[in-house]
Amino acid sequence: MFSKELLSLLFGVITSWQVIAVTIVVVLYLFLVTYVGRLYHRPRFISSLPSKVKKKKEETTAAPPEGSGDESEQETNDELGLEEE
């Protein structure tokens, strides 16, 4: 199918110093771009972050551990208008 002249021309073009130099430059550029992209990539925890925040809020709003019942707890309950059980 291919003539000998076409094969020799393609071989000459592919092995020319310009094509080899441009190929090397493009490969180095792509390597640099991917390296910088990985370096500054921030992991995305969008879906898991709110669930963690909700869990922390649930833990903090859960019933406080029963303490000695000192006056500071009584004052905060009075300020909030809550009654002790």
C-alpha atoms as a PDB file:
ATOM      1  CA  MET A   1       0.000   0.000   0.000  1.00  0.00           C
ATOM      2  CA  PHE A   2       2.597   2.526   1.033  1.00  0.00           C
ATOM      3  CA  SER A   3       5.304   3.405  -1.345  1.00  0.00           C
ATOM      4  CA  LYS A   4       8.929   3.341  -0.251  1.00  0.00           C
ATOM      5  CA  GLU A   5       9.168   7.094  -0.750  1.00  0.00           C
ATOM      6  CA  LEU A   6       6.246   7.756   1.605  1.00  0.00           C
ATOM      7  CA  LEU A   7       7.708   5.494   4.284  1.00  0.00           C
ATOM      8  CA  SER A   8      11.091   7.149   4.060  1.00  0.00           C
ATOM      9  CA  LEU A   9       9.461  10.589   4.204  1.00  0.00           C
ATOM     10  CA  LEU A  10       7.446   9.681   7.324  1.00  0.00           C
ATOM     11  CA  PHE A  11      10.506   8.174   8.961  1.00  0.00           C
ATOM     12  CA  GLY A  12      12.498  11.307   8.160  1.00  0.00           C
ATOM     13  CA  VAL A  13       9.815  13.615   9.582  1.00  0.00           C
ATOM     14  CA  ILE A  14       9.277  11.605  12.752  1.00  0.00           C
ATOM     15  CA  THR A  15      12.991  11.356  13.485  1.00  0.00           C
ATOM     16  CA  SER A  16      13.789  15.000  12.732  1.00  0.00           C
ATOM     17  CA  TRP A  17      15.226  17.003  15.590  1.00  0.00           C
ATOM     18  CA  GLN A  18      12.353  19.534  15.511  1.00  0.00           C
ATOM     19  CA  VAL A  19       9.671  16.891  16.038  1.00  0.00           C
ATOM     20  CA  ILE A  20      11.652  15.200  18.792  1.00  0.00           C
ATOM     21  CA  ALA A  21      12.333  18.538  20.546  1.00  0.00           C
ATOM     22  CA  VAL A  22       8.682  19.635  20.403  1.00  0.00           C
ATOM     23  CA  THR A  23       7.561  16.235  21.703  1.00  0.00           C
ATOM     24  CA  ILE A  24       9.945  16.471  24.654  1.00  0.00           C
ATOM     25  CA  VAL A  25       8.806  20.019  25.448  1.00  0.00           C
ATOM     26  CA  VAL A  26       5.130  19.020  25.340  1.00  0.00           C
ATOM     27  CA  VAL A  27       5.750  16.027  27.620  1.00  0.00           C
ATOM     28  CA  LEU A  28       7.646  18.182  30.131  1.00  0.00           C
ATOM     29  CA  TYR A  29       4.901  20.814  30.039  1.00  0.00           C
ATOM     30  CA  LEU A  30       2.196  18.218  30.710  1.00  0.00           C
ATOM     31  CA  PHE A  31       4.263  16.747  33.540  1.00  0.00           C
ATOM     32  CA  LEU A  32       4.661  20.206  35.093  1.00  0.00           C
ATOM     33  CA  VAL A  33       0.946  20.986  34.794  1.00  0.00           C
ATOM     34  CA  THR A  34      -0.103  17.705  36.414  1.00  0.00           C
ATOM     35  CA  TYR A  35       2.483  18.163  39.187  1.00  0.00           C
ATOM     36  CA  VAL A  36       1.242  21.653  40.037  1.00  0.00           C
ATOM     37  CA  GLY A  37      -2.343  20.429  39.853  1.00  0.00           C
ATOM     38  CA  ARG A  38      -1.633  17.662  42.352  1.00  0.00           C
ATOM     39  CA  LEU A  39       0.353  20.035  44.552  1.00  0.00           C
ATOM     40  CA  TYR A  40      -2.475  22.550  44.918  1.00  0.00           C
ATOM     41  CA  HIS A  41      -5.350  20.066  44.822  1.00  0.00           C
ATOM     42  CA  ARG A  42      -7.644  20.403  47.797  1.00  0.00           C
ATOM     43  CA  PRO A  43      -9.608  17.302  48.715  1.00  0.00           C
ATOM     44  CA  ARG A  44     -13.342  17.797  48.509  1.00  0.00           C
ATOM     45  CA  PHE A  45     -15.343  16.516  51.435  1.00  0.00           C
ATOM     46  CA  ILE A  46     -18.533  18.325  50.548  1.00  0.00           C
ATOM     47  CA  SER A  47     -20.879  15.392  51.102  1.00  0.00           C
ATOM     48  CA  SER A  48     -19.211  14.061  54.257  1.00  0.00           C
ATOM     49  CA  LEU A  49     -18.531  17.401  55.942  1.00  0.00           C
ATOM     50  CA  PRO A  50     -22.131  18.344  56.776  1.00  0.00           C
ATOM     51  CA  SER A  51     -22.804  14.939  58.294  1.00  0.00           C
ATOM     52  CA  LYS A  52     -19.809  15.346  60.598  1.00  0.00           C
ATOM     53  CA  VAL A  53     -20.979  18.814  61.567  1.00  0.00           C
ATOM     54  CA  LYS A  54     -24.464  17.478  62.271  1.00  0.00           C
ATOM     55  CA  LYS A  55     -23.048  14.704  64.447  1.00  0.00           C
ATOM     56  CA  LYS A  56     -20.985  17.207  66.426  1.00  0.00           C
ATOM     57  CA  LYS A  57     -24.017  19.442  66.896  1.00  0.00           C
ATOM     58  CA  GLU A  58     -26.093  16.477  68.067  1.00  0.00           C
ATOM     59  CA  GLU A  59     -23.384  15.525  70.546  1.00  0.00           C
ATOM     60  CA  THR A  60     -23.133  19.056  71.913  1.00  0.00           C
ATOM     61  CA  THR A  61     -26.901  19.487  72.156  1.00  0.00           C
ATOM     62  CA  ALA A  62     -27.366  16.108  73.825  1.00  0.00           C
ATOM     63  CA  ALA A  63     -28.245  16.056  77.499  1.00  0.00           C
ATOM     64  CA  PRO A  64     -25.308  17.307  79.550  1.00  0.00           C
ATOM     65  CA  PRO A  65     -23.777  14.802  81.931  1.00  0.00           C
ATOM     66  CA  GLU A  66     -25.272  14.927  85.362  1.00  0.00           C
ATOM     67  CA  GLY A  67     -22.927  16.884  87.517  1.00  0.00           C
ATOM     68  CA  SER A  68     -22.859  17.885  91.152  1.00  0.00           C
ATOM     69  CA  GLY A  69     -25.612  20.427  90.563  1.00  0.00           C
ATOM     70  CA  ASP A  70     -23.532  23.412  91.493  1.00  0.00           C
ATOM     71  CA  GLU A  71     -24.817  26.984  91.400  1.00  0.00           C
ATOM     72  CA  SER A  72     -23.435  27.830  87.952  1.00  0.00           C
ATOM     73  CA  GLU A  73     -25.723  25.226  86.368  1.00  0.00           C
ATOM     74  CA  GLN A  74     -28.655  26.558  88.379  1.00  0.00           C
ATOM     75  CA  GLU A  75     -27.983  30.111  87.251  1.00  0.00           C
ATOM     76  CA  THR A  76     -27.857  29.147  83.580  1.00  0.00           C
ATOM     77  CA  ASN A  77     -31.092  27.182  83.927  1.00  0.00           C
ATOM     78  CA  ASP A  78     -32.742  30.160  85.609  1.00  0.00           C
ATOM     79  CA  GLU A  79     -31.504  32.497  82.884  1.00  0.00           C
ATOM     80  CA  LEU A  80     -32.926  30.216  80.214  1.00  0.00           C
ATOM     81  CA  GLY A  81     -36.182  29.724  82.053  1.00  0.00           C
ATOM     82  CA  LEU A  82     -35.680  25.988  82.456  1.00  0.00           C
ATOM     83  CA  GLU A  83     -36.717  23.885  85.397  1.00  0.00           C
ATOM     84  CA  GLU A  84     -34.634  21.094  86.849  1.00  0.00           C
ATOM     85  CA  GLU A  85     -36.102  17.609  86.928  1.00  0.00           C
END
